[in-house]
Amino acid sequence: MHERCSIWSHGVRQKKETSLDEAMSSKGLSGLEDAVITSAWNRCAHCKHFGASIKCKASGKFYHFPCGAASGSFMHKATLTLIGSASLAKVGNLGELRPGQGLICRSSQLKRG
């Protein structure tokens, strides 16, 4: 599994006392093996291919990491939470997510000027 995908994957947790750099090397992660096996059966809500491991907190649909960004999903970096593009209206209802704090989104969503 790719590094970025692994840390965002459903069921994968960063072990206590590990830095983000250690977690990105998969040494500081738990649940990774199960996530790899489970993702083989998960079809991506965006591209429809199997292997998706990142679960939308609102709908339960799965995405690949790049598909989450390409689809216009809300990806909150600080909490490693994805809200799919079809559920964006629910972002405001999730108190722990604050827009503007570590977001990943498509460049077309960014306001210019």
Protein backbone atom coordinates (compact mmCIF):
# COMPACT_ATOMS: atom_id res chain seq x y z
CA MET A 1 0.00 0.00 0.00
CA HIS A 2 1.24 3.50 -0.79
CA GLU A 3 2.43 5.62 2.14
CA ARG A 4 -0.18 8.36 1.77
CA CYS A 5 -2.94 5.81 1.32
CA SER A 6 -1.92 3.80 4.37
CA ILE A 7 -2.11 6.60 6.94
CA TRP A 8 -5.57 7.66 5.65
CA SER A 9 -6.92 4.10 5.34
CA HIS A 10 -9.95 2.91 7.28
CA GLY A 11 -8.89 0.88 10.32
CA VAL A 12 -5.26 2.04 10.28
CA ARG A 13 -4.08 3.91 13.35
CA GLN A 14 -0.84 5.61 14.25
CA LYS A 15 0.73 3.84 17.21
CA LYS A 16 1.25 5.95 20.30
CA GLU A 17 4.71 7.38 20.77
CA THR A 18 5.44 7.42 17.02
CA SER A 19 6.14 10.45 14.93
CA LEU A 20 4.34 11.11 11.64
CA ASP A 21 7.59 10.26 9.82
CA GLU A 22 7.66 6.83 11.51
CA ALA A 23 3.99 6.31 10.73
CA MET A 24 4.59 7.16 7.07
CA SER A 25 7.17 4.37 6.91
CA SER A 26 4.43 1.95 8.12
CA LYS A 27 6.49 0.99 11.19
CA GLY A 28 4.34 3.21 13.40
CA LEU A 29 0.98 1.97 12.09
CA SER A 30 -1.40 -0.67 13.36
CA GLY A 31 -4.15 -2.33 11.31
CA LEU A 32 -2.28 -1.99 8.03
CA GLU A 33 -2.41 -5.66 7.02
CA ASP A 34 -6.18 -5.81 7.53
CA ALA A 35 -6.64 -2.58 5.55
CA VAL A 36 -4.69 -4.00 2.61
CA ILE A 37 -6.79 -7.17 2.55
CA THR A 38 -10.11 -5.32 2.99
CA SER A 39 -9.32 -2.68 0.36
CA ALA A 40 -9.04 -5.38 -2.31
CA TRP A 41 -12.84 -5.74 -2.06
CA ASN A 42 -13.68 -2.02 -1.86
CA ARG A 43 -14.69 -0.28 -5.08
CA CYS A 44 -13.80 3.42 -5.30
CA ALA A 45 -16.82 5.75 -5.40
CA HIS A 46 -14.98 7.99 -7.88
CA CYS A 47 -13.14 5.77 -10.39
CA LYS A 48 -15.06 2.51 -9.70
CA HIS A 49 -11.85 0.46 -9.49
CA PHE A 50 -11.12 -1.90 -6.59
CA GLY A 51 -8.48 -1.21 -3.96
CA ALA A 52 -10.02 1.84 -2.27
CA SER A 53 -9.16 2.13 1.42
CA ILE A 54 -10.25 5.59 2.59
CA LYS A 55 -13.77 5.64 3.99
CA CYS A 56 -16.06 8.66 3.79
CA LYS A 57 -17.10 9.56 7.32
CA ALA A 58 -20.57 10.65 6.16
CA SER A 59 -21.61 8.03 3.60
CA GLY A 60 -19.35 5.03 4.23
CA LYS A 61 -18.24 4.96 0.57
CA PHE A 62 -14.59 4.25 -0.16
CA TYR A 63 -12.03 6.21 -2.20
CA HIS A 64 -8.42 5.90 -3.29
CA PHE A 65 -6.31 8.77 -1.91
CA PRO A 66 -5.86 10.52 -5.29
CA CYS A 67 -9.51 9.92 -6.20
CA GLY A 68 -10.63 11.61 -3.00
CA ALA A 69 -8.76 14.75 -4.01
CA ALA A 70 -9.75 14.51 -7.69
CA SER A 71 -13.44 14.08 -6.86
CA GLY A 72 -13.58 17.30 -4.86
CA SER A 73 -13.99 15.51 -1.54
CA PHE A 74 -13.26 17.34 1.70
CA MET A 75 -10.06 15.87 3.13
CA HIS A 76 -9.14 17.12 6.59
CA LYS A 77 -5.45 16.49 7.08
CA ALA A 78 -5.30 17.06 10.84
CA THR A 79 -7.85 14.32 11.57
CA LEU A 80 -7.27 12.22 8.43
CA THR A 81 -10.98 12.47 7.66
CA LEU A 82 -12.57 12.33 4.21
CA ILE A 83 -16.07 13.54 3.37
CA GLY A 84 -17.04 12.56 -0.17
CA SER A 85 -18.18 15.16 -2.68
CA ALA A 86 -21.79 13.87 -2.50
CA SER A 87 -21.83 14.54 1.27
CA LEU A 88 -20.14 17.95 1.41
CA ALA A 89 -23.23 19.53 3.00
CA LYS A 90 -22.52 17.43 6.11
CA VAL A 91 -19.05 18.92 6.72
CA GLY A 92 -20.47 21.73 8.86
CA ASN A 93 -22.26 19.21 11.09
CA LEU A 94 -19.03 17.51 12.11
CA GLY A 95 -17.77 19.71 14.93
CA GLU A 96 -14.19 18.42 14.99
CA LEU A 97 -13.66 19.47 11.36
CA ARG A 98 -12.90 23.10 10.81
CA PRO A 99 -12.66 24.27 7.19
CA GLY A 100 -9.37 25.97 6.49
CA GLN A 101 -7.26 23.81 8.80
CA GLY A 102 -5.09 21.48 6.74
CA LEU A 103 -7.39 20.85 3.82
CA ILE A 104 -6.60 18.94 0.69
CA CYS A 105 -8.76 19.79 -2.30
CA ARG A 106 -8.70 20.32 -6.03
CA SER A 107 -7.00 23.48 -7.24
CA SER A 108 -10.26 24.49 -8.96
CA GLN A 109 -11.85 24.76 -5.49
CA LEU A 110 -9.34 27.31 -4.26
CA LYS A 111 -10.38 30.94 -4.41
CA ARG A 112 -7.93 33.09 -6.26
CA GLY A 113 -7.06 36.70 -5.73
